[in-house]
Amino acid sequence: MKFGTEPWLNVGILTDSQIRFELYGDFNTALSNEILSGKFKAELKNDKIICTGNSIQIEAENEILFEPSDPVNESFVLRDVVIGVKFHWERKEKQRFNYFLKIIKDGEKLTAINYLPIEAYLTSVISSEMSAKCSINLLRSQAVVARSWLLAQLQNKTKEKSENPILKPYSNENEHIIWYGRETHKLFDVCADDHCQRFQGVTKVTTQTAGQAISDTRGIVLISDEEICDARYSKSCGGISESYENVWEPVRHKYLVPVIDYKYEPENLNLNLREEVNSIQWIKTNVPAFCNTNDPKILNQILIDYDQETKDFYRWRVEYSQKQISELIKNKLQTDFGEILDLIPVERGDSSRLIKLKIVGTKKTLTIGKELEIRRVLSPTHLYSSAFYVEKREIENGIPQKIILHGAGWGHGVGLCQIGAAVMAEKGYQFDEILSHYFPNATLKKIY
């Protein structure tokens, strides 16, 4: 863990066959003697990057770097940036960025990259992941978590990958077990979408509070055993957070363990949620928790515009007809299961989230996992979480005509619960208290 000075990073924003952008201010590039501003279009022609605009054309073999004369006050705009990739809110936006713009060759397409200091990146992240109008201690908490995750990923890039087969996804005739880690990007450090962390430039930075939160926590990260924590976060844990190894590769992190999201344990419930009967009772119960809130003031801090299209997240319900569920599973797994007879829980985690689920059809039976794959297969986009139990209705000749999923929480549930943290901040908890609640066995340290 060697830093001391603030790192810079390359953020992949957009990959397409053609990239349209606008430079606001005075930009220059080593490939031209002219001062550049205005509208531009970049595309590949004869395996070269051709960038045209304002009666100028720039050619490059692999990369064009646009450098502003004033990185903080001048900006560039990228059009048609896709956000929420493969989620129910997927759409295109026009986004504005500070610092440097790179256009690089990426196979048969081009990728636009924002090159900037980490603290400037984080100011955007905490404004993109949630509203910049959040309370200061929520933003401080999110800043430390985002910084810790990012620096942990940058350090992990330099480590050798384990060849241990138990740490890798697998698929055979009976089981399809896969997890979606934040795989290392080859051409840049992190992407700008939910796959890494939401980063939408300066478009969403609308208050001074976000900048203040970054300034207040500059260089501060979560540490465990002298290593920067691979900190994680999701929208709503549903009352109990999940263990890392139940969502991703089977590696135990002592700071990413189950945490009851409240001041005390709920009464009259068995919290061994790996057991099916306890899990069902848990999901059926409207358990008190920090993230169990309908307060619009708090939710407006976390659920920015497109997120607010979802109202029920602490406890939720999704209903499918037999035709819908069988076609959905067939399309997602590219396998005809026939009619779906049952969805059987095989293994659950500490928050009741399913790790493995057996799909039983008239033509095929298969066990799938882990949590994100289950969410992917059982929804046109993604289920809110894999913490659900199954209700079968209108049974005809042993075949349910309706399958209802009753669920809890939104997201993988590991680490910081954003809605819970928002409630804690509103109740007067300081950012270090919020972080110690969600990340036991971790401490705070300033590393630059």
Protein backbone atom coordinates (compact mmCIF):
# COMPACT_ATOMS: atom_id res chain seq x y z
CA MET A 1 0.00 0.00 0.00
CA LYS A 2 2.19 2.82 -1.30
CA PHE A 3 0.62 6.08 -2.31
CA GLY A 4 1.53 9.43 -0.77
CA THR A 5 0.36 11.44 -3.77
CA GLU A 6 -3.02 11.54 -5.46
CA PRO A 7 -3.22 9.08 -8.38
CA TRP A 8 -4.76 9.84 -11.78
CA LEU A 9 -6.84 7.36 -13.71
CA ASN A 10 -8.37 6.59 -17.10
CA VAL A 11 -12.16 6.21 -17.08
CA GLY A 12 -13.81 4.54 -20.08
CA ILE A 13 -16.96 6.52 -20.90
CA LEU A 14 -18.24 5.40 -24.29
CA THR A 15 -17.41 2.77 -26.91
CA ASP A 16 -18.96 3.07 -30.35
CA SER A 17 -18.16 3.05 -34.06
CA GLN A 18 -18.54 6.83 -34.09
CA ILE A 19 -18.04 9.30 -31.23
CA ARG A 20 -19.51 12.80 -31.32
CA PHE A 21 -18.13 15.35 -28.89
CA GLU A 22 -17.82 19.06 -28.26
CA LEU A 23 -14.86 20.96 -26.81
CA TYR A 24 -15.73 24.01 -24.72
CA GLY A 25 -12.69 26.23 -24.24
CA ASP A 26 -9.20 26.00 -25.70
CA PHE A 27 -7.93 22.46 -26.25
CA ASN A 28 -4.79 21.28 -28.01
CA THR A 29 -3.33 18.03 -29.23
CA ALA A 30 0.19 17.00 -30.17
CA LEU A 31 -1.19 16.08 -33.61
CA SER A 32 -2.11 19.66 -34.55
CA ASN A 33 -0.75 23.16 -34.02
CA GLU A 34 -4.23 24.68 -33.89
CA ILE A 35 -6.30 25.57 -30.82
CA LEU A 36 -9.35 23.31 -30.89
CA SER A 37 -12.93 24.01 -29.83
CA GLY A 38 -16.44 23.30 -31.07
CA LYS A 39 -18.08 20.16 -32.46
CA PHE A 40 -16.13 17.09 -33.59
CA LYS A 41 -16.75 13.59 -34.87
CA ALA A 42 -14.31 10.69 -34.50
CA GLU A 43 -14.52 7.43 -36.46
CA LEU A 44 -12.33 4.64 -37.83
CA LYS A 45 -11.36 4.74 -41.49
CA ASN A 46 -8.79 2.39 -43.00
CA ASP A 47 -7.83 1.35 -39.47
CA LYS A 48 -6.99 4.94 -38.51
CA ILE A 49 -8.72 7.34 -36.14
CA ILE A 50 -10.12 10.21 -38.20
CA CYS A 51 -11.36 13.19 -36.19
CA THR A 52 -13.07 16.00 -38.09
CA GLY A 53 -14.65 19.30 -37.11
CA ASN A 54 -14.53 23.04 -37.75
CA SER A 55 -12.65 22.69 -41.04
CA ILE A 56 -9.91 20.59 -39.43
CA GLN A 57 -9.07 16.90 -39.72
CA ILE A 58 -6.80 14.99 -37.36
CA GLU A 59 -5.50 11.48 -38.01
CA ALA A 60 -3.94 9.04 -35.55
CA GLU A 61 -2.89 5.40 -35.55
CA ASN A 62 -4.10 4.49 -32.04
CA GLU A 63 -4.89 7.50 -29.84
CA ILE A 64 -5.71 11.22 -29.81
CA LEU A 65 -5.30 13.15 -26.55
CA PHE A 66 -7.14 16.48 -26.18
CA GLU A 67 -5.62 18.66 -23.45
CA PRO A 68 -7.49 21.71 -22.09
CA SER A 69 -5.59 24.88 -21.31
CA ASP A 70 -7.55 25.11 -18.04
CA PRO A 71 -8.48 21.53 -16.93
CA VAL A 72 -10.81 22.61 -14.12
CA ASN A 73 -12.86 25.31 -15.84
CA GLU A 74 -12.90 24.08 -19.44
CA SER A 75 -14.87 21.02 -20.43
CA PHE A 76 -15.90 18.62 -23.14
CA VAL A 77 -19.28 17.03 -23.89
CA LEU A 78 -19.87 13.47 -25.08
CA ARG A 79 -23.14 12.64 -26.79
CA ASP A 80 -25.07 9.34 -26.70
CA VAL A 81 -23.40 8.00 -23.55
CA VAL A 82 -25.19 4.79 -22.53
CA ILE A 83 -25.99 4.53 -18.81
CA GLY A 84 -27.58 1.65 -16.87
CA VAL A 85 -26.31 -0.93 -19.37
CA LYS A 86 -28.70 -3.92 -19.41
CA PHE A 87 -30.66 -2.56 -16.44
CA HIS A 88 -34.29 -1.43 -16.57
CA TRP A 89 -33.26 2.25 -16.69
CA GLU A 90 -30.85 1.90 -19.65
CA ARG A 91 -30.78 5.06 -21.78
CA LYS A 92 -28.49 7.51 -23.55
CA GLU A 93 -27.38 10.85 -22.16
CA LYS A 94 -25.32 13.86 -23.08
CA GLN A 95 -22.62 14.26 -20.43
CA ARG A 96 -20.03 16.94 -19.63
CA PHE A 97 -16.50 16.29 -18.30
CA ASN A 98 -13.44 18.22 -17.11
CA TYR A 99 -9.74 17.46 -17.62
CA PHE A 100 -8.42 15.38 -20.55
CA LEU A 101 -10.24 13.54 -23.34
CA LYS A 102 -8.66 10.52 -25.02
CA ILE A 103 -10.04 8.85 -28.13
CA ILE A 104 -8.45 5.42 -28.56
CA LYS A 105 -8.80 2.57 -31.00
CA ASP A 106 -10.67 -0.36 -29.46
CA GLY A 107 -10.78 -3.22 -31.97
CA GLU A 108 -13.15 -2.12 -34.72
CA LYS A 109 -14.59 0.67 -32.56
CA LEU A 110 -13.43 3.74 -30.67
CA THR A 111 -13.49 4.41 -26.94
CA ALA A 112 -13.70 7.83 -25.31
CA ILE A 113 -11.72 8.09 -22.06
CA ASN A 114 -11.66 10.80 -19.41
CA TYR A 115 -8.18 11.14 -17.85
CA LEU A 116 -8.40 12.93 -14.50
CA PRO A 117 -7.30 12.95 -10.83
CA ILE A 118 -8.98 10.46 -8.51
CA GLU A 119 -10.50 13.09 -6.21
CA ALA A 120 -12.18 14.85 -9.15
CA TYR A 121 -13.45 11.46 -10.32
CA LEU A 122 -14.86 10.73 -6.86
CA THR A 123 -16.69 14.06 -6.72
CA SER A 124 -18.65 12.92 -9.75
CA VAL A 125 -19.10 9.35 -8.50
CA ILE A 126 -20.78 10.35 -5.25
CA SER A 127 -23.02 12.72 -7.22
CA SER A 128 -23.81 10.07 -9.85
CA GLU A 129 -24.44 7.17 -7.47
CA MET A 130 -26.83 9.37 -5.48
CA SER A 131 -28.03 12.95 -5.35
CA ALA A 132 -25.42 15.64 -4.73
CA LYS A 133 -28.06 17.12 -2.39
CA CYS A 134 -27.52 14.32 0.15
CA SER A 135 -26.60 15.08 3.73
CA ILE A 136 -22.88 15.68 4.18
CA ASN A 137 -22.23 12.58 6.28
CA LEU A 138 -23.86 10.30 3.73
CA LEU A 139 -21.68 11.81 1.00
CA ARG A 140 -18.58 11.50 3.18
CA SER A 141 -19.39 7.82 3.76
CA GLN A 142 -19.92 7.16 0.07
CA ALA A 143 -16.71 9.03 -0.76
CA VAL A 144 -14.60 6.81 1.51
CA VAL A 145 -16.24 3.62 0.22
CA ALA A 146 -15.85 4.62 -3.45
CA ARG A 147 -12.22 5.68 -2.91
CA SER A 148 -11.41 2.44 -1.07
CA TRP A 149 -12.96 0.26 -3.77
CA LEU A 150 -11.19 2.15 -6.55
CA LEU A 151 -7.72 2.07 -4.99
CA ALA A 152 -8.15 -1.60 -4.08
CA GLN A 153 -8.96 -2.36 -7.74
CA LEU A 154 -5.91 -0.42 -8.95
CA GLN A 155 -3.70 -2.36 -6.53
CA ASN A 156 -5.27 -5.69 -7.53
CA LYS A 157 -4.32 -5.02 -11.15
CA THR A 158 -0.69 -5.57 -10.22
CA LYS A 159 -1.33 -8.84 -8.37
CA GLU A 160 -1.14 -12.22 -10.04
CA LYS A 161 -4.49 -13.90 -10.61
CA SER A 162 -5.07 -17.19 -8.82
CA GLU A 163 -5.38 -20.29 -10.97
CA ASN A 164 -7.29 -22.13 -8.22
CA PRO A 165 -10.33 -23.67 -10.00
CA ILE A 166 -12.61 -23.20 -6.96
CA LEU A 167 -12.19 -19.45 -7.37
CA LYS A 168 -13.55 -19.52 -10.93
CA PRO A 169 -17.09 -19.84 -12.33
CA TYR A 170 -18.04 -23.21 -13.81
CA SER A 171 -20.74 -24.79 -15.93
CA ASN A 172 -21.68 -28.41 -16.61
CA GLU A 173 -24.75 -30.48 -17.45
CA ASN A 174 -26.28 -30.02 -14.00
CA GLU A 175 -25.00 -26.66 -12.77
CA HIS A 176 -24.31 -23.22 -14.21
CA ILE A 177 -22.56 -21.20 -11.50
CA ILE A 178 -21.18 -17.85 -12.52
CA TRP A 179 -20.48 -14.55 -10.82
CA TYR A 180 -19.91 -11.20 -12.38
CA GLY A 181 -16.86 -9.61 -10.84
CA ARG A 182 -15.60 -6.23 -11.91
CA GLU A 183 -13.18 -7.70 -14.38
CA THR A 184 -10.04 -5.77 -15.18
CA HIS A 185 -10.47 -3.46 -18.15
CA LYS A 186 -7.55 -3.71 -20.54
CA LEU A 187 -7.67 -0.25 -22.16
CA PHE A 188 -8.58 1.86 -19.12
CA ASP A 189 -8.74 1.61 -15.33
CA VAL A 190 -12.50 1.65 -14.72
CA CYS A 191 -15.66 2.11 -16.78
CA ALA A 192 -18.27 4.79 -16.09
CA ASP A 193 -21.30 2.53 -15.56
CA ASP A 194 -22.68 0.35 -12.76
CA HIS A 195 -20.26 -2.43 -13.72
CA CYS A 196 -17.63 -0.36 -11.88
CA GLN A 197 -19.06 2.83 -10.37
CA ARG A 198 -21.44 5.34 -11.86
CA PHE A 199 -19.42 8.25 -13.21
CA GLN A 200 -21.29 10.88 -15.19
CA GLY A 201 -18.77 13.69 -15.30
CA VAL A 202 -19.69 17.10 -13.94
CA THR A 203 -23.25 16.82 -15.26
CA LYS A 204 -24.61 15.62 -11.91
CA VAL A 205 -22.38 17.72 -9.65
CA THR A 206 -24.93 20.39 -8.77
CA THR A 207 -23.98 21.41 -5.22
CA GLN A 208 -20.90 22.34 -3.24
CA THR A 209 -21.72 19.59 -0.71
CA ALA A 210 -20.26 16.85 -2.90
CA GLY A 211 -16.99 18.75 -3.28
CA GLN A 212 -16.95 19.43 0.46
CA ALA A 213 -17.43 15.71 1.23
CA ILE A 214 -14.48 14.82 -1.00
CA SER A 215 -12.33 17.55 0.51
CA ASP A 216 -13.22 16.47 4.07
CA THR A 217 -12.24 12.86 3.38
CA ARG A 218 -9.37 13.43 0.92
CA GLY A 219 -7.11 10.37 0.80
CA ILE A 220 -9.06 8.51 3.53
CA VAL A 221 -9.74 4.82 2.92
CA LEU A 222 -10.97 1.76 4.81
CA ILE A 223 -8.13 -0.49 5.93
CA SER A 224 -8.12 -4.10 7.15
CA ASP A 225 -4.94 -6.07 7.90
CA GLU A 226 -2.90 -3.22 6.39
CA GLU A 227 -4.68 -3.63 3.04
CA ILE A 228 -7.13 -1.21 1.43
CA CYS A 229 -10.60 -2.72 1.73
CA ASP A 230 -12.37 -3.90 -1.40
CA ALA A 231 -15.39 -1.92 -0.18
CA ARG A 232 -18.76 -2.63 -1.78
CA TYR A 233 -22.20 -1.02 -1.68
CA SER A 234 -25.73 -1.52 -2.93
CA LYS A 235 -29.07 0.27 -2.72
CA SER A 236 -30.85 -1.70 0.04
CA CYS A 237 -29.64 -4.73 1.98
CA GLY A 238 -33.21 -5.59 2.98
CA GLY A 239 -32.43 -5.68 6.70
CA ILE A 240 -29.23 -7.73 6.80
CA SER A 241 -26.15 -7.28 4.63
CA GLU A 242 -24.64 -10.20 2.70
CA SER A 243 -21.20 -11.82 2.86
CA TYR A 244 -18.80 -11.19 -0.03
CA GLU A 245 -18.13 -14.87 -0.76
CA ASN A 246 -21.83 -15.58 -1.30
CA VAL A 247 -21.98 -13.11 -4.18
CA TRP A 248 -18.55 -13.32 -5.82
CA GLU A 249 -15.60 -15.74 -5.65
CA PRO A 250 -15.45 -17.87 -2.46
CA VAL A 251 -12.95 -15.65 -0.63
CA ARG A 252 -13.70 -14.43 2.89
CA HIS A 253 -13.26 -10.73 3.70
CA LYS A 254 -13.75 -10.14 7.40
CA TYR A 255 -15.00 -6.59 6.77
CA LEU A 256 -17.69 -7.77 4.28
CA VAL A 257 -19.77 -9.94 6.61
CA PRO A 258 -23.45 -9.94 7.65
CA VAL A 259 -24.54 -6.83 9.53
CA ILE A 260 -28.00 -6.36 11.02
CA ASP A 261 -29.09 -3.02 9.61
CA TYR A 262 -30.45 -1.61 12.84
CA LYS A 263 -29.65 -0.68 16.44
CA TYR A 264 -30.74 -4.10 17.72
CA GLU A 265 -31.73 -7.55 16.47
CA PRO A 266 -35.36 -8.05 15.41
CA GLU A 267 -37.47 -9.99 17.86
CA ASN A 268 -39.19 -13.35 17.33
CA LEU A 269 -37.19 -14.22 14.22
CA ASN A 270 -34.55 -16.89 13.69
CA LEU A 271 -31.76 -15.09 11.86
CA ASN A 272 -30.20 -18.24 10.42
CA LEU A 273 -31.49 -17.20 7.02
CA ARG A 274 -29.66 -19.99 5.24
CA GLU A 275 -32.55 -22.18 6.43
CA GLU A 276 -35.54 -21.94 4.08
CA VAL A 277 -38.27 -21.66 6.73
CA ASN A 278 -36.43 -18.79 8.43
CA SER A 279 -35.75 -17.07 5.12
CA ILE A 280 -39.41 -17.14 4.10
CA GLN A 281 -40.48 -15.74 7.46
CA TRP A 282 -37.84 -13.02 7.18
CA ILE A 283 -39.02 -11.91 3.74
CA LYS A 284 -42.66 -11.99 4.86
CA THR A 285 -41.92 -9.73 7.84
CA ASN A 286 -41.61 -5.97 7.57
CA VAL A 287 -38.57 -5.98 9.85
CA PRO A 288 -37.42 -2.65 11.35
CA ALA A 289 -34.18 -1.55 9.69
CA PHE A 290 -32.38 1.62 8.77
CA CYS A 291 -33.12 0.91 5.09
CA ASN A 292 -36.81 0.25 5.80
CA THR A 293 -38.06 3.73 4.96
CA ASN A 294 -40.57 5.44 2.70
CA ASP A 295 -39.46 8.94 3.66
CA PRO A 296 -39.34 10.86 0.33
CA LYS A 297 -36.76 13.30 1.68
CA ILE A 298 -34.35 10.42 2.28
CA LEU A 299 -35.20 8.39 -0.83
CA ASN A 300 -34.75 11.44 -3.05
CA GLN A 301 -31.14 11.56 -1.89
CA ILE A 302 -30.42 8.00 -3.03
CA LEU A 303 -32.89 7.29 -5.84
CA ILE A 304 -31.90 9.81 -8.48
CA ASP A 305 -34.30 10.30 -11.44
CA TYR A 306 -34.29 6.88 -13.19
CA ASP A 307 -33.81 4.97 -9.91
CA GLN A 308 -37.07 6.45 -8.66
CA GLU A 309 -38.89 4.42 -11.27
CA THR A 310 -38.64 1.73 -8.59
CA LYS A 311 -40.81 2.37 -5.52
CA ASP A 312 -40.89 -1.00 -3.74
CA PHE A 313 -37.44 -2.23 -2.85
CA TYR A 314 -37.37 -3.17 0.86
CA ARG A 315 -40.02 -5.81 0.23
CA TRP A 316 -41.26 -6.44 -3.31
CA ARG A 317 -43.34 -8.78 -5.48
CA VAL A 318 -42.99 -9.91 -9.10
CA GLU A 319 -45.59 -12.08 -10.85
CA TYR A 320 -45.13 -14.15 -14.03
CA SER A 321 -47.51 -16.27 -16.06
CA GLN A 322 -46.29 -19.71 -17.10
CA LYS A 323 -45.79 -18.44 -20.64
CA GLN A 324 -43.77 -15.45 -19.42
CA ILE A 325 -41.48 -17.37 -17.09
CA SER A 326 -40.78 -20.24 -19.50
CA GLU A 327 -39.97 -17.88 -22.38
CA LEU A 328 -37.87 -15.67 -20.15
CA ILE A 329 -35.71 -18.53 -18.89
CA LYS A 330 -35.42 -20.00 -22.39
CA ASN A 331 -34.19 -16.68 -23.79
CA LYS A 332 -31.79 -15.92 -20.96
CA LEU A 333 -30.17 -19.38 -20.80
CA GLN A 334 -30.59 -20.23 -24.50
CA THR A 335 -32.09 -23.57 -23.46
CA ASP A 336 -35.64 -24.87 -23.73
CA PHE A 337 -36.72 -26.01 -20.26
CA GLY A 338 -40.26 -26.62 -21.46
CA GLU A 339 -42.88 -25.53 -18.95
CA ILE A 340 -41.49 -24.48 -15.60
CA LEU A 341 -42.59 -26.81 -12.81
CA ASP A 342 -40.68 -25.26 -9.93
CA LEU A 343 -37.93 -22.91 -8.80
CA ILE A 344 -36.27 -24.60 -5.83
CA PRO A 345 -33.86 -22.83 -3.45
CA VAL A 346 -30.66 -24.89 -3.16
CA GLU A 347 -28.41 -22.59 -1.13
CA ARG A 348 -28.90 -19.23 0.54
CA GLY A 349 -26.55 -16.65 2.02
CA ASP A 350 -26.64 -14.81 5.32
CA SER A 351 -29.19 -12.20 4.14
CA SER A 352 -31.47 -14.88 2.60
CA ARG A 353 -30.11 -14.07 -0.88
CA LEU A 354 -30.04 -17.15 -3.06
CA ILE A 355 -26.61 -18.44 -4.02
CA LYS A 356 -28.00 -21.40 -5.98
CA LEU A 357 -31.46 -21.96 -7.47
CA LYS A 358 -32.70 -25.12 -9.19
CA ILE A 359 -34.91 -24.56 -12.24
CA VAL A 360 -37.15 -27.58 -12.85
CA GLY A 361 -38.82 -27.78 -16.25
CA THR A 362 -40.70 -30.46 -18.16
CA LYS A 363 -37.72 -30.80 -20.53
CA LYS A 364 -34.69 -29.86 -18.44
CA THR A 365 -33.48 -29.26 -14.88
CA LEU A 366 -30.53 -27.00 -14.08
CA THR A 367 -29.09 -25.34 -10.98
CA ILE A 368 -27.93 -21.76 -11.55
CA GLY A 369 -26.02 -19.19 -9.47
CA LYS A 370 -24.71 -16.93 -8.08
CA GLU A 371 -26.97 -14.07 -7.09
CA LEU A 372 -26.59 -11.79 -10.10
CA GLU A 373 -27.02 -14.67 -12.56
CA ILE A 374 -30.24 -15.64 -10.75
CA ARG A 375 -31.42 -12.02 -10.97
CA ARG A 376 -30.45 -11.87 -14.64
CA VAL A 377 -32.24 -15.09 -15.61
CA LEU A 378 -35.50 -14.33 -13.79
CA SER A 379 -36.08 -10.83 -15.16
CA PRO A 380 -36.06 -9.07 -18.55
CA THR A 381 -33.40 -6.82 -16.95
CA HIS A 382 -32.42 -7.68 -13.35
CA LEU A 383 -34.50 -8.68 -10.35
CA TYR A 384 -34.08 -6.28 -7.47
CA SER A 385 -32.26 -8.99 -5.53
CA SER A 386 -31.95 -12.77 -5.19
CA ALA A 387 -33.51 -12.69 -1.71
CA PHE A 388 -36.92 -14.13 -2.60
CA TYR A 389 -39.17 -17.10 -2.08
CA VAL A 390 -41.44 -18.65 -4.70
CA GLU A 391 -45.21 -18.97 -4.62
CA LYS A 392 -46.90 -21.22 -7.19
CA ARG A 393 -50.55 -20.67 -8.06
CA GLU A 394 -53.27 -22.13 -10.33
CA ILE A 395 -51.72 -25.60 -10.59
CA GLU A 396 -53.03 -27.51 -13.61
CA ASN A 397 -51.78 -31.06 -14.13
CA GLY A 398 -48.84 -30.30 -11.87
CA ILE A 399 -47.89 -27.16 -13.81
CA PRO A 400 -48.26 -23.76 -12.10
CA GLN A 401 -49.92 -21.18 -14.33
CA LYS A 402 -48.61 -18.36 -12.14
CA ILE A 403 -45.28 -18.01 -10.37
CA ILE A 404 -44.88 -15.17 -7.87
CA LEU A 405 -41.55 -14.07 -6.42
CA HIS A 406 -41.72 -12.35 -3.03
CA GLY A 407 -38.45 -10.57 -2.35
CA ALA A 408 -36.38 -8.31 -0.12
CA GLY A 409 -33.77 -5.65 -0.81
CA TRP A 410 -32.26 -4.08 -3.90
CA GLY A 411 -28.84 -5.16 -5.12
CA HIS A 412 -26.28 -7.67 -3.87
CA GLY A 413 -26.47 -6.37 -0.30
CA VAL A 414 -22.73 -6.50 0.42
CA GLY A 415 -21.07 -3.69 2.38
CA LEU A 416 -22.64 -0.24 2.61
CA CYS A 417 -26.44 -0.13 2.35
CA GLN A 418 -26.96 3.25 0.69
CA ILE A 419 -30.55 3.79 1.84
CA GLY A 420 -29.68 2.60 5.34
CA ALA A 421 -26.68 4.94 5.40
CA ALA A 422 -28.92 7.83 4.29
CA VAL A 423 -31.28 7.16 7.19
CA MET A 424 -28.36 6.95 9.63
CA ALA A 425 -27.01 10.27 8.40
CA GLU A 426 -30.43 11.89 8.83
CA LYS A 427 -30.52 10.55 12.41
CA GLY A 428 -27.26 12.33 13.17
CA TYR A 429 -24.68 9.56 12.77
CA GLN A 430 -21.23 10.77 11.67
CA PHE A 431 -19.60 9.25 8.60
CA ASP A 432 -17.10 7.21 10.64
CA GLU A 433 -19.98 5.74 12.69
CA ILE A 434 -21.84 4.81 9.49
CA LEU A 435 -18.74 3.13 8.07
CA SER A 436 -17.97 1.22 11.27
CA HIS A 437 -21.57 -0.07 11.24
CA TYR A 438 -21.39 -1.48 7.70
CA PHE A 439 -17.70 -2.47 7.67
CA PRO A 440 -16.83 -4.23 10.92
CA ASN A 441 -13.14 -5.10 11.40
CA ALA A 442 -12.07 -2.14 9.28
CA THR A 443 -10.49 1.17 10.27
CA LEU A 444 -10.00 4.53 8.57
CA LYS A 445 -6.59 5.71 7.37
CA LYS A 446 -5.40 8.74 5.37
CA ILE A 447 -2.92 7.53 2.74
CA TYR A 448 -2.28 10.78 0.80
